[in-house]
Amino acid sequence: MGMDRDFPMTGVQAKALIVGLVVMAAFGAALFGGAIPGLKPNYSGEDVAVLDGQRYYFTIVTVSTAGPFLNYSLPQSFAFENVTFTLWLSNWDEFTGGLVHGNGSEPNGTVYSFLLGDSSPATNGTLFVSPDREFGVYWPGGPFGGVWVHLYVRV
């Protein structure tokens, strides 16, 4: 009665293992990437990026993922440099990514909508800059895009 029998991993076990690894990697990235307050040093001064020759303040926000057995999340609002961004996810799959929907509301009341990610047919990209160039939004999309969205507001 030896214990040297090989027990191959079932498909369900393999999927559970992969999901567990993805969840642990996401938690680790959030923990050490600053999404959890207090674990990343706060630097004085604003972060500035250049898009198409224009200078923008930027920050990175975390959008809540879709709930279990859902492929969308509820809208969340983020105020940054006097622009209010409302963001939500749809067609969410942790292995293939999904879409980031949103609106940017400027102080003058102008609102621009955007959609980032890969859709079928592919109609959107990873960067949206408002027509008046006052703000932008970036999300890399795809399976490694995660839930971190970059917000840009013109300096």
Protein backbone atom coordinates (compact mmCIF):
# COMPACT_ATOMS: atom_id res chain seq x y z
CA MET A 1 0.00 0.00 0.00
CA GLY A 2 2.39 2.69 -1.26
CA MET A 3 1.62 6.38 -1.54
CA ASP A 4 3.51 6.90 -4.82
CA ARG A 5 0.41 7.28 -7.00
CA ASP A 6 0.33 10.39 -9.13
CA PHE A 7 -2.78 12.46 -8.70
CA PRO A 8 -3.09 14.75 -11.71
CA MET A 9 -4.59 18.17 -11.11
CA THR A 10 -8.15 18.52 -12.34
CA GLY A 11 -9.24 21.47 -14.48
CA VAL A 12 -11.15 22.98 -11.56
CA GLN A 13 -8.11 22.71 -9.29
CA ALA A 14 -5.88 24.30 -11.94
CA LYS A 15 -8.31 27.21 -12.39
CA ALA A 16 -8.54 27.69 -8.62
CA LEU A 17 -4.75 27.72 -8.38
CA ILE A 18 -4.44 30.30 -11.17
CA VAL A 19 -7.15 32.53 -9.70
CA GLY A 20 -5.48 32.29 -6.28
CA LEU A 21 -2.12 33.31 -7.74
CA VAL A 22 -3.68 36.24 -9.62
CA VAL A 23 -5.44 37.43 -6.45
CA MET A 24 -2.22 37.19 -4.43
CA ALA A 25 -0.28 39.07 -7.13
CA ALA A 26 -2.93 41.81 -7.26
CA PHE A 27 -2.91 42.14 -3.47
CA GLY A 28 0.89 42.31 -3.44
CA ALA A 29 0.90 44.96 -6.16
CA ALA A 30 -1.74 46.98 -4.29
CA LEU A 31 0.13 46.61 -1.01
CA PHE A 32 3.51 47.70 -2.29
CA GLY A 33 2.28 49.95 -5.10
CA GLY A 34 0.66 52.41 -2.72
CA ALA A 35 -3.02 51.52 -3.22
CA ILE A 36 -3.19 50.70 0.49
CA PRO A 37 -2.49 53.97 2.36
CA GLY A 38 0.50 54.26 4.62
CA LEU A 39 2.69 51.65 2.97
CA LYS A 40 4.22 53.86 0.31
CA PRO A 41 6.04 57.08 1.14
CA ASN A 42 4.18 60.26 0.31
CA TYR A 43 6.31 62.57 -1.77
CA SER A 44 5.80 66.30 -1.75
CA GLY A 45 5.10 67.88 -5.09
CA GLU A 46 2.81 66.81 -7.87
CA ASP A 47 3.55 64.17 -10.46
CA VAL A 48 3.73 65.67 -13.94
CA ALA A 49 3.66 63.88 -17.28
CA VAL A 50 3.85 65.12 -20.86
CA LEU A 51 1.26 63.97 -23.41
CA ASP A 52 1.58 65.25 -26.98
CA GLY A 53 3.69 68.18 -25.83
CA GLN A 54 1.24 69.24 -23.08
CA ARG A 55 2.07 69.02 -19.36
CA TYR A 56 -0.43 67.20 -17.13
CA TYR A 57 -0.65 66.45 -13.43
CA PHE A 58 -1.31 62.75 -13.02
CA THR A 59 -2.32 60.22 -10.44
CA ILE A 60 -3.24 56.55 -10.41
CA VAL A 61 -6.55 55.36 -8.98
CA THR A 62 -7.85 51.88 -8.28
CA VAL A 63 -11.25 50.99 -9.71
CA SER A 64 -13.23 48.35 -7.84
CA THR A 65 -13.39 45.06 -9.65
CA ALA A 66 -16.55 43.32 -10.67
CA GLY A 67 -18.24 41.29 -7.98
CA PRO A 68 -18.27 37.49 -7.98
CA PHE A 69 -20.19 36.12 -10.96
CA LEU A 70 -20.59 39.65 -12.39
CA ASN A 71 -18.73 41.15 -15.30
CA TYR A 72 -19.18 44.81 -14.34
CA SER A 73 -18.55 47.11 -11.41
CA LEU A 74 -20.50 50.01 -9.97
CA PRO A 75 -19.44 53.56 -10.98
CA GLN A 76 -16.93 55.28 -8.70
CA SER A 77 -16.08 58.97 -8.60
CA PHE A 78 -12.57 60.38 -8.22
CA ALA A 79 -11.91 64.13 -7.90
CA PHE A 80 -8.48 65.17 -9.11
CA GLU A 81 -7.27 68.73 -9.79
CA ASN A 82 -10.84 70.07 -10.14
CA VAL A 83 -11.93 67.38 -12.62
CA THR A 84 -14.33 64.68 -11.45
CA PHE A 85 -13.83 61.29 -13.05
CA THR A 86 -16.51 58.61 -12.88
CA LEU A 87 -15.15 55.15 -13.76
CA TRP A 88 -16.53 51.63 -13.98
CA LEU A 89 -15.56 48.29 -15.52
CA SER A 90 -17.52 46.03 -17.84
CA ASN A 91 -16.95 42.78 -19.73
CA TRP A 92 -14.56 42.04 -16.88
CA ASP A 93 -12.57 38.83 -16.95
CA GLU A 94 -9.42 38.57 -14.87
CA PHE A 95 -7.63 36.66 -17.63
CA THR A 96 -8.57 38.79 -20.64
CA GLY A 97 -9.19 42.20 -19.09
CA GLY A 98 -12.26 44.15 -20.10
CA LEU A 99 -13.35 47.72 -20.65
CA VAL A 100 -13.05 50.86 -18.55
CA HIS A 101 -15.97 53.24 -19.04
CA GLY A 102 -15.96 56.75 -17.75
CA ASN A 103 -16.87 60.40 -17.77
CA GLY A 104 -14.71 63.39 -17.02
CA SER A 105 -16.53 66.46 -15.67
CA GLU A 106 -14.62 69.72 -15.95
CA PRO A 107 -15.13 72.68 -13.59
CA ASN A 108 -17.00 74.60 -16.32
CA GLY A 109 -19.61 71.83 -16.52
CA THR A 110 -18.35 70.20 -19.72
CA VAL A 111 -18.53 66.40 -19.59
CA TYR A 112 -16.72 64.03 -21.94
CA SER A 113 -17.32 60.27 -22.03
CA PHE A 114 -14.72 57.67 -22.90
CA LEU A 115 -14.24 53.93 -23.25
CA LEU A 116 -10.85 52.27 -22.88
CA GLY A 117 -9.78 48.73 -23.63
CA ASP A 118 -10.21 46.14 -26.30
CA SER A 119 -13.73 45.68 -27.58
CA SER A 120 -14.96 43.65 -30.48
CA PRO A 121 -14.70 45.15 -32.99
CA ALA A 122 -11.77 47.12 -31.63
CA THR A 123 -13.06 50.67 -31.47
CA ASN A 124 -11.12 52.06 -28.55
CA GLY A 125 -7.56 52.37 -27.38
CA THR A 126 -5.74 52.75 -24.14
CA LEU A 127 -5.53 56.56 -23.94
CA PHE A 128 -8.29 59.17 -24.08
CA VAL A 129 -7.56 62.89 -24.14
CA SER A 130 -10.56 65.21 -23.99
CA PRO A 131 -11.19 67.22 -27.19
CA ASP A 132 -10.29 70.45 -25.34
CA ARG A 133 -7.13 68.73 -23.98
CA GLU A 134 -8.04 69.59 -20.36
CA PHE A 135 -7.80 66.00 -19.10
CA GLY A 136 -6.83 62.51 -20.13
CA VAL A 137 -7.26 58.94 -18.96
CA TYR A 138 -4.97 55.97 -19.58
CA TRP A 139 -5.54 52.27 -18.99
CA PRO A 140 -3.33 49.67 -20.65
CA GLY A 141 -6.11 47.12 -21.02
CA GLY A 142 -5.64 43.45 -21.69
CA PRO A 143 -5.03 40.69 -19.18
CA PHE A 144 -2.31 42.62 -17.33
CA GLY A 145 -4.09 45.98 -17.32
CA GLY A 146 -5.28 45.47 -13.79
CA VAL A 147 -7.65 47.91 -12.13
CA TRP A 148 -5.23 50.86 -11.99
CA VAL A 149 -6.29 53.81 -14.14
CA HIS A 150 -4.07 56.85 -14.76
CA LEU A 151 -5.82 60.25 -14.57
CA TYR A 152 -4.32 63.35 -16.20
CA VAL A 153 -5.33 67.02 -15.79
CA ARG A 154 -3.61 69.80 -17.69
CA VAL A 155 -1.18 71.89 -15.62
